[in-house]
Amino acid sequence: SSDIDIALIDVLMPEMDGIELTRRIKHDPMLV
C-alpha cells in the first residue's frame, strides 16, 4: 500500500521470520 524504497528486516520474528518475508518480497513481481 506504500511506495517503500527499502526494507530493513529482522531475522527472528514469530509467525513469519525475516527470511520467509524476504522470500515473499522477492517472489512478488510488484515488490521484487
PDB file of all heavy atoms in Angstrom:
ATOM      1  N   SER A   1       0.806  -1.220   0.000  1.00  0.00           N
ATOM      2  CA  SER A   1       0.000   0.000   0.000  1.00  0.00           C
ATOM      3  C   SER A   1       0.843   1.277   0.000  1.00  0.00           C
ATOM      4  O   SER A   1       0.295   2.358  -0.154  1.00  0.00           O
ATOM      5  CB  SER A   1      -0.926   0.009   1.224  1.00  0.00           C
ATOM      6  OG  SER A   1      -0.170   0.088   2.414  1.00  0.00           O
ATOM      7  N   SER A   2       2.146   1.164   0.176  1.00  0.00           N
ATOM      8  CA  SER A   2       3.021   2.344   0.220  1.00  0.00           C
ATOM      9  C   SER A   2       4.151   2.184  -0.788  1.00  0.00           C
ATOM     10  O   SER A   2       4.437   1.086  -1.240  1.00  0.00           O
ATOM     11  CB  SER A   2       3.636   2.493   1.621  1.00  0.00           C
ATOM     12  OG  SER A   2       2.636   2.620   2.593  1.00  0.00           O
ATOM     13  N   ASP A   3       4.783   3.303  -1.080  1.00  0.00           N
ATOM     14  CA  ASP A   3       5.906   3.291  -2.012  1.00  0.00           C
ATOM     15  C   ASP A   3       7.196   3.119  -1.216  1.00  0.00           C
ATOM     16  O   ASP A   3       7.977   4.060  -1.068  1.00  0.00           O
ATOM     17  CB  ASP A   3       5.906   4.587  -2.815  1.00  0.00           C
ATOM     18  CG  ASP A   3       6.871   4.554  -3.983  1.00  0.00           C
ATOM     19  OD1 ASP A   3       7.290   3.448  -4.377  1.00  0.00           O
ATOM     20  OD2 ASP A   3       7.200   5.634  -4.493  1.00  0.00           O
ATOM     21  N   ILE A   4       7.409   1.909  -0.690  1.00  0.00           N
ATOM     22  CA  ILE A   4       8.587   1.610   0.122  1.00  0.00           C
ATOM     23  C   ILE A   4       9.811   1.556  -0.788  1.00  0.00           C
ATOM     24  O   ILE A   4       9.802   0.889  -1.820  1.00  0.00           O
ATOM     25  CB  ILE A   4       8.421   0.259   0.868  1.00  0.00           C
ATOM     26  CG1 ILE A   4       7.173   0.280   1.764  1.00  0.00           C
ATOM     27  CG2 ILE A   4       9.681  -0.090   1.652  1.00  0.00           C
ATOM     28  CD1 ILE A   4       7.208   1.251   2.900  1.00  0.00           C
ATOM     29  N   ASP A   5      10.871   2.254  -0.384  1.00  0.00           N
ATOM     30  CA  ASP A   5      12.096   2.271  -1.180  1.00  0.00           C
ATOM     31  C   ASP A   5      13.082   1.185  -0.772  1.00  0.00           C
ATOM     32  O   ASP A   5      13.856   0.715  -1.607  1.00  0.00           O
ATOM     33  CB  ASP A   5      12.775   3.644  -1.070  1.00  0.00           C
ATOM     34  CG  ASP A   5      11.927   4.727  -1.710  1.00  0.00           C
ATOM     35  OD1 ASP A   5      11.568   4.576  -2.893  1.00  0.00           O
ATOM     36  OD2 ASP A   5      11.616   5.717  -1.029  1.00  0.00           O
ATOM     37  N   ILE A   6      13.068   0.806   0.516  1.00  0.00           N
ATOM     38  CA  ILE A   6      13.998  -0.207   1.008  1.00  0.00           C
ATOM     39  C   ILE A   6      13.436  -0.775   2.309  1.00  0.00           C
ATOM     40  O   ILE A   6      12.717  -0.082   3.030  1.00  0.00           O
ATOM     41  CB  ILE A   6      15.417   0.384   1.211  1.00  0.00           C
ATOM     42  CG1 ILE A   6      16.437  -0.718   1.447  1.00  0.00           C
ATOM     43  CG2 ILE A   6      15.429   1.427   2.299  1.00  0.00           C
ATOM     44  CD1 ILE A   6      17.883  -0.257   1.248  1.00  0.00           C
ATOM     45  N   ALA A   7      13.738  -2.044   2.583  1.00  0.00           N
ATOM     46  CA  ALA A   7      13.233  -2.689   3.798  1.00  0.00           C
ATOM     47  C   ALA A   7      14.390  -3.198   4.653  1.00  0.00           C
ATOM     48  O   ALA A   7      15.311  -3.834   4.140  1.00  0.00           O
ATOM     49  CB  ALA A   7      12.308  -3.848   3.435  1.00  0.00           C
ATOM     50  N   LEU A   8      14.321  -2.907   5.958  1.00  0.00           N
ATOM     51  CA  LEU A   8      15.246  -3.456   6.952  1.00  0.00           C
ATOM     52  C   LEU A   8      14.441  -4.480   7.745  1.00  0.00           C
ATOM     53  O   LEU A   8      13.466  -4.112   8.407  1.00  0.00           O
ATOM     54  CB  LEU A   8      15.757  -2.373   7.895  1.00  0.00           C
ATOM     55  CG  LEU A   8      16.633  -1.287   7.294  1.00  0.00           C
ATOM     56  CD1 LEU A   8      16.925  -0.214   8.324  1.00  0.00           C
ATOM     57  CD2 LEU A   8      17.921  -1.872   6.786  1.00  0.00           C
ATOM     58  N   ILE A   9      14.852  -5.739   7.688  1.00  0.00           N
ATOM     59  CA  ILE A   9      14.030  -6.820   8.246  1.00  0.00           C
ATOM     60  C   ILE A   9      14.827  -7.632   9.256  1.00  0.00           C
ATOM     61  O   ILE A   9      15.914  -8.139   8.949  1.00  0.00           O
ATOM     62  CB  ILE A   9      13.534  -7.743   7.109  1.00  0.00           C
ATOM     63  CG1 ILE A   9      12.733  -6.933   6.091  1.00  0.00           C
ATOM     64  CG2 ILE A   9      12.725  -8.900   7.682  1.00  0.00           C
ATOM     65  CD1 ILE A   9      12.350  -7.712   4.841  1.00  0.00           C
ATOM     66  N   ASP A  10      14.256  -7.800  10.453  1.00  0.00           N
ATOM     67  CA  ASP A  10      14.856  -8.644  11.482  1.00  0.00           C
ATOM     68  C   ASP A  10      14.678 -10.107  11.085  1.00  0.00           C
ATOM     69  O   ASP A  10      13.636 -10.499  10.553  1.00  0.00           O
ATOM     70  CB  ASP A  10      14.185  -8.377  12.828  1.00  0.00           C
ATOM     71  CG  ASP A  10      14.839  -9.136  13.966  1.00  0.00           C
ATOM     72  OD1 ASP A  10      16.073  -9.303  13.945  1.00  0.00           O
ATOM     73  OD2 ASP A  10      14.112  -9.558  14.880  1.00  0.00           O
ATOM     74  N   VAL A  11      15.680 -10.929  11.352  1.00  0.00           N
ATOM     75  CA  VAL A  11      15.598 -12.355  11.016  1.00  0.00           C
ATOM     76  C   VAL A  11      14.609 -13.073  11.917  1.00  0.00           C
ATOM     77  O   VAL A  11      13.730 -13.792  11.450  1.00  0.00           O
ATOM     78  CB  VAL A  11      16.985 -13.037  11.100  1.00  0.00           C
ATOM     79  CG1 VAL A  11      16.855 -14.542  10.991  1.00  0.00           C
ATOM     80  CG2 VAL A  11      17.904 -12.514  10.013  1.00  0.00           C
ATOM     81  N   LEU A  12      14.757 -12.890  13.233  1.00  0.00           N
ATOM     82  CA  LEU A  12      13.960 -13.658  14.187  1.00  0.00           C
ATOM     83  C   LEU A  12      12.668 -12.934  14.540  1.00  0.00           C
ATOM     84  O   LEU A  12      12.682 -11.931  15.257  1.00  0.00           O
ATOM     85  CB  LEU A  12      14.771 -13.931  15.455  1.00  0.00           C
ATOM     86  CG  LEU A  12      16.019 -14.781  15.266  1.00  0.00           C
ATOM     87  CD1 LEU A  12      16.786 -14.900  16.575  1.00  0.00           C
ATOM     88  CD2 LEU A  12      15.660 -16.158  14.723  1.00  0.00           C
ATOM     89  N   MET A  13      11.567 -13.441  13.998  1.00  0.00           N
ATOM     90  CA  MET A  13      10.239 -12.920  14.315  1.00  0.00           C
ATOM     91  C   MET A  13       9.275 -14.100  14.380  1.00  0.00           C
ATOM     92  O   MET A  13       9.467 -15.094  13.668  1.00  0.00           O
ATOM     93  CB  MET A  13       9.763 -11.934  13.241  1.00  0.00           C
ATOM     94  CG  MET A  13      10.575 -10.662  13.142  1.00  0.00           C
ATOM     95  SD  MET A  13       9.861  -9.454  12.008  1.00  0.00           S
ATOM     96  CE  MET A  13       9.995 -10.294  10.432  1.00  0.00           C
ATOM     97  N   PRO A  14       8.242 -13.983  15.230  1.00  0.00           N
ATOM     98  CA  PRO A  14       7.258 -15.071  15.282  1.00  0.00           C
ATOM     99  C   PRO A  14       6.403 -15.091  14.019  1.00  0.00           C
ATOM    100  O   PRO A  14       6.355 -14.114  13.278  1.00  0.00           O
ATOM    101  CB  PRO A  14       6.427 -14.728  16.518  1.00  0.00           C
ATOM    102  CG  PRO A  14       6.622 -13.271  16.731  1.00  0.00           C
ATOM    103  CD  PRO A  14       7.972 -12.930  16.177  1.00  0.00           C
ATOM    104  N   GLU A  15       5.746 -16.174  13.778  1.00  0.00           N
ATOM    105  CA  GLU A  15       4.836 -16.395  12.651  1.00  0.00           C
ATOM    106  C   GLU A  15       5.555 -16.433  11.310  1.00  0.00           C
ATOM    107  O   GLU A  15       5.565 -17.442  10.652  1.00  0.00           O
ATOM    108  CB  GLU A  15       3.701 -15.371  12.645  1.00  0.00           C
ATOM    109  CG  GLU A  15       2.808 -15.443  13.860  1.00  0.00           C
ATOM    110  CD  GLU A  15       1.788 -14.343  13.891  1.00  0.00           C
ATOM    111  OE1 GLU A  15       1.379 -13.870  12.806  1.00  0.00           O
ATOM    112  OE2 GLU A  15       1.389 -13.954  14.999  1.00  0.00           O
ATOM    113  N   MET A  16       6.144 -15.333  10.896  1.00  0.00           N
ATOM    114  CA  MET A  16       6.891 -15.291   9.634  1.00  0.00           C
ATOM    115  C   MET A  16       8.242 -14.658   9.923  1.00  0.00           C
ATOM    116  O   MET A  16       8.327 -13.479  10.245  1.00  0.00           O
ATOM    117  CB  MET A  16       6.130 -14.456   8.589  1.00  0.00           C
ATOM    118  CG  MET A  16       6.830 -14.405   7.245  1.00  0.00           C
ATOM    119  SD  MET A  16       6.121 -13.190   6.060  1.00  0.00           S
ATOM    120  CE  MET A  16       4.368 -13.400   6.202  1.00  0.00           C
ATOM    121  N   ASP A  17       9.314 -15.436   9.801  1.00  0.00           N
ATOM    122  CA  ASP A  17      10.635 -14.865  10.082  1.00  0.00           C
ATOM    123  C   ASP A  17      11.090 -13.983   8.923  1.00  0.00           C
ATOM    124  O   ASP A  17      10.464 -13.927   7.867  1.00  0.00           O
ATOM    125  CB  ASP A  17      11.650 -15.952  10.430  1.00  0.00           C
ATOM    126  CG  ASP A  17      12.015 -16.852   9.247  1.00  0.00           C
ATOM    127  OD1 ASP A  17      11.696 -16.525   8.097  1.00  0.00           O
ATOM    128  OD2 ASP A  17      12.639 -17.890   9.498  1.00  0.00           O
ATOM    129  N   GLY A  18      12.187 -13.284   9.145  1.00  0.00           N
ATOM    130  CA  GLY A  18      12.683 -12.343   8.147  1.00  0.00           C
ATOM    131  C   GLY A  18      13.118 -12.991   6.848  1.00  0.00           C
ATOM    132  O   GLY A  18      13.036 -12.383   5.785  1.00  0.00           O
ATOM    133  N   ILE A  19      13.553 -14.235   6.927  1.00  0.00           N
ATOM    134  CA  ILE A  19      13.979 -14.938   5.708  1.00  0.00           C
ATOM    135  C   ILE A  19      12.772 -15.260   4.838  1.00  0.00           C
ATOM    136  O   ILE A  19      12.787 -15.047   3.621  1.00  0.00           O
ATOM    137  CB  ILE A  19      14.803 -16.183   6.066  1.00  0.00           C
ATOM    138  CG1 ILE A  19      16.121 -15.724   6.715  1.00  0.00           C
ATOM    139  CG2 ILE A  19      15.064 -17.050   4.834  1.00  0.00           C
ATOM    140  CD1 ILE A  19      16.928 -16.812   7.364  1.00  0.00           C
ATOM    141  N   GLU A  20      11.697 -15.730   5.454  1.00  0.00           N
ATOM    142  CA  GLU A  20      10.468 -16.009   4.701  1.00  0.00           C
ATOM    143  C   GLU A  20       9.874 -14.720   4.146  1.00  0.00           C
ATOM    144  O   GLU A  20       9.409 -14.679   3.008  1.00  0.00           O
ATOM    145  CB  GLU A  20       9.444 -16.738   5.573  1.00  0.00           C
ATOM    146  CG  GLU A  20       8.127 -17.014   4.872  1.00  0.00           C
ATOM    147  CD  GLU A  20       8.244 -17.848   3.593  1.00  0.00           C
ATOM    148  OE1 GLU A  20       9.202 -18.639   3.455  1.00  0.00           O
ATOM    149  OE2 GLU A  20       7.356 -17.719   2.723  1.00  0.00           O
ATOM    150  N   LEU A  21       9.896 -13.654   4.940  1.00  0.00           N
ATOM    151  CA  LEU A  21       9.405 -12.361   4.459  1.00  0.00           C
ATOM    152  C   LEU A  21      10.213 -11.901   3.251  1.00  0.00           C
ATOM    153  O   LEU A  21       9.648 -11.459   2.248  1.00  0.00           O
ATOM    154  CB  LEU A  21       9.456 -11.321   5.574  1.00  0.00           C
ATOM    155  CG  LEU A  21       9.081  -9.891   5.195  1.00  0.00           C
ATOM    156  CD1 LEU A  21       7.691  -9.825   4.580  1.00  0.00           C
ATOM    157  CD2 LEU A  21       9.194  -8.982   6.413  1.00  0.00           C
ATOM    158  N   THR A  22      11.523 -12.026   3.330  1.00  0.00           N
ATOM    159  CA  THR A  22      12.384 -11.662   2.197  1.00  0.00           C
ATOM    160  C   THR A  22      12.023 -12.490   0.970  1.00  0.00           C
ATOM    161  O   THR A  22      11.899 -11.951  -0.141  1.00  0.00           O
ATOM    162  CB  THR A  22      13.865 -11.864   2.565  1.00  0.00           C
ATOM    163  OG1 THR A  22      14.180 -11.010   3.670  1.00  0.00           O
ATOM    164  CG2 THR A  22      14.778 -11.554   1.400  1.00  0.00           C
ATOM    165  N   ARG A  23      11.847 -13.775   1.155  1.00  0.00           N
ATOM    166  CA  ARG A  23      11.485 -14.665   0.051  1.00  0.00           C
ATOM    167  C   ARG A  23      10.173 -14.214  -0.607  1.00  0.00           C
ATOM    168  O   ARG A  23      10.068 -14.144  -1.828  1.00  0.00           O
ATOM    169  CB  ARG A  23      11.366 -16.104   0.562  1.00  0.00           C
ATOM    170  CG  ARG A  23      11.203 -17.136  -0.526  1.00  0.00           C
ATOM    171  CD  ARG A  23      11.218 -18.567   0.015  1.00  0.00           C
ATOM    172  NE  ARG A  23      12.552 -18.892   0.522  1.00  0.00           N
ATOM    173  CZ  ARG A  23      12.856 -19.112   1.811  1.00  0.00           C
ATOM    174  NH1 ARG A  23      11.919 -19.078   2.738  1.00  0.00           N
ATOM    175  NH2 ARG A  23      14.094 -19.388   2.165  1.00  0.00           N
ATOM    176  N   ARG A  24       9.196 -13.868   0.205  1.00  0.00           N
ATOM    177  CA  ARG A  24       7.903 -13.413  -0.335  1.00  0.00           C
ATOM    178  C   ARG A  24       8.040 -12.099  -1.099  1.00  0.00           C
ATOM    179  O   ARG A  24       7.426 -11.916  -2.149  1.00  0.00           O
ATOM    180  CB  ARG A  24       6.876 -13.284   0.784  1.00  0.00           C
ATOM    181  CG  ARG A  24       6.441 -14.626   1.335  1.00  0.00           C
ATOM    182  CD  ARG A  24       5.318 -14.491   2.317  1.00  0.00           C
ATOM    183  NE  ARG A  24       5.047 -15.754   2.963  1.00  0.00           N
ATOM    184  CZ  ARG A  24       3.986 -15.970   3.718  1.00  0.00           C
ATOM    185  NH1 ARG A  24       3.103 -15.002   3.914  1.00  0.00           N
ATOM    186  NH2 ARG A  24       3.801 -17.143   4.280  1.00  0.00           N
ATOM    187  N   ILE A  25       8.841 -11.198  -0.562  1.00  0.00           N
ATOM    188  CA  ILE A  25       9.069  -9.926  -1.251  1.00  0.00           C
ATOM    189  C   ILE A  25       9.711 -10.182  -2.614  1.00  0.00           C
ATOM    190  O   ILE A  25       9.293  -9.627  -3.632  1.00  0.00           O
ATOM    191  CB  ILE A  25       9.962  -9.001  -0.394  1.00  0.00           C
ATOM    192  CG1 ILE A  25       9.198  -8.538   0.851  1.00  0.00           C
ATOM    193  CG2 ILE A  25      10.485  -7.817  -1.205  1.00  0.00           C
ATOM    194  CD1 ILE A  25      10.074  -7.873   1.902  1.00  0.00           C
ATOM    195  N   LYS A  26      10.721 -11.023  -2.638  1.00  0.00           N
ATOM    196  CA  LYS A  26      11.471 -11.249  -3.875  1.00  0.00           C
ATOM    197  C   LYS A  26      10.714 -12.115  -4.883  1.00  0.00           C
ATOM    198  O   LYS A  26      11.098 -12.163  -6.052  1.00  0.00           O
ATOM    199  CB  LYS A  26      12.838 -11.872  -3.558  1.00  0.00           C
ATOM    200  CG  LYS A  26      13.734 -10.930  -2.753  1.00  0.00           C
ATOM    201  CD  LYS A  26      13.915  -9.594  -3.473  1.00  0.00           C
ATOM    202  CE  LYS A  26      14.745  -8.625  -2.684  1.00  0.00           C
ATOM    203  NZ  LYS A  26      15.001  -7.391  -3.415  1.00  0.00           N
ATOM    204  N   HIS A  27       9.614 -12.752  -4.465  1.00  0.00           N
ATOM    205  CA  HIS A  27       8.795 -13.530  -5.395  1.00  0.00           C
ATOM    206  C   HIS A  27       7.557 -12.759  -5.852  1.00  0.00           C
ATOM    207  O   HIS A  27       6.791 -13.255  -6.670  1.00  0.00           O
ATOM    208  CB  HIS A  27       8.392 -14.869  -4.773  1.00  0.00           C
ATOM    209  CG  HIS A  27       9.489 -15.877  -4.819  1.00  0.00           C
ATOM    210  ND1 HIS A  27      10.437 -15.978  -3.829  1.00  0.00           N
ATOM    211  CD2 HIS A  27       9.810 -16.805  -5.747  1.00  0.00           C
ATOM    212  CE1 HIS A  27      11.298 -16.936  -4.149  1.00  0.00           C
ATOM    213  NE2 HIS A  27      10.945 -17.439  -5.303  1.00  0.00           N
ATOM    214  N   ASP A  28       7.370 -11.563  -5.346  1.00  0.00           N
ATOM    215  CA  ASP A  28       6.235 -10.733  -5.730  1.00  0.00           C
ATOM    216  C   ASP A  28       6.700  -9.773  -6.832  1.00  0.00           C
ATOM    217  O   ASP A  28       7.569  -8.928  -6.587  1.00  0.00           O
ATOM    218  CB  ASP A  28       5.732  -9.948  -4.515  1.00  0.00           C
ATOM    219  CG  ASP A  28       4.490  -9.141  -4.815  1.00  0.00           C
ATOM    220  OD1 ASP A  28       4.338  -8.638  -5.950  1.00  0.00           O
ATOM    221  OD2 ASP A  28       3.661  -8.995  -3.897  1.00  0.00           O
ATOM    222  N   PRO A  29       6.138  -9.877  -8.027  1.00  0.00           N
ATOM    223  CA  PRO A  29       6.587  -9.018  -9.140  1.00  0.00           C
ATOM    224  C   PRO A  29       6.493  -7.520  -8.839  1.00  0.00           C
ATOM    225  O   PRO A  29       7.266  -6.737  -9.368  1.00  0.00           O
ATOM    226  CB  PRO A  29       5.654  -9.388 -10.298  1.00  0.00           C
ATOM    227  CG  PRO A  29       5.069 -10.703  -9.926  1.00  0.00           C
ATOM    228  CD  PRO A  29       5.070 -10.801  -8.440  1.00  0.00           C
ATOM    229  N   MET A  30       5.571  -7.134  -7.958  1.00  0.00           N
ATOM    230  CA  MET A  30       5.422  -5.719  -7.631  1.00  0.00           C
ATOM    231  C   MET A  30       6.452  -5.246  -6.598  1.00  0.00           C
ATOM    232  O   MET A  30       6.689  -4.052  -6.464  1.00  0.00           O
ATOM    233  CB  MET A  30       4.002  -5.450  -7.088  1.00  0.00           C
ATOM    234  CG  MET A  30       2.906  -5.795  -8.084  1.00  0.00           C
ATOM    235  SD  MET A  30       3.047  -4.896  -9.647  1.00  0.00           S
ATOM    236  CE  MET A  30       2.665  -3.260  -9.089  1.00  0.00           C
ATOM    237  N   LEU A  31       7.066  -6.179  -5.880  1.00  0.00           N
ATOM    238  CA  LEU A  31       7.984  -5.815  -4.797  1.00  0.00           C
ATOM    239  C   LEU A  31       9.422  -6.244  -5.043  1.00  0.00           C
ATOM    240  O   LEU A  31      10.319  -5.844  -4.302  1.00  0.00           O
ATOM    241  CB  LEU A  31       7.507  -6.440  -3.475  1.00  0.00           C
ATOM    242  CG  LEU A  31       6.083  -6.118  -3.040  1.00  0.00           C
ATOM    243  CD1 LEU A  31       5.738  -6.883  -1.772  1.00  0.00           C
ATOM    244  CD2 LEU A  31       5.892  -4.626  -2.850  1.00  0.00           C
ATOM    245  N   VAL A  32       9.646  -7.054  -6.053  1.00  0.00           N
ATOM    246  CA  VAL A  32      10.946  -7.705  -6.252  1.00  0.00           C
ATOM    247  C   VAL A  32      12.121  -6.726  -6.288  1.00  0.00           C
ATOM    248  O   VAL A  32      13.220  -7.057  -5.855  1.00  0.00           O
ATOM    249  CB  VAL A  32      10.923  -8.592  -7.511  1.00  0.00           C
ATOM    250  CG1 VAL A  32      10.787  -7.761  -8.781  1.00  0.00           C
ATOM    251  CG2 VAL A  32      12.148  -9.475  -7.576  1.00  0.00           C
TER     252      VAL A  32
END
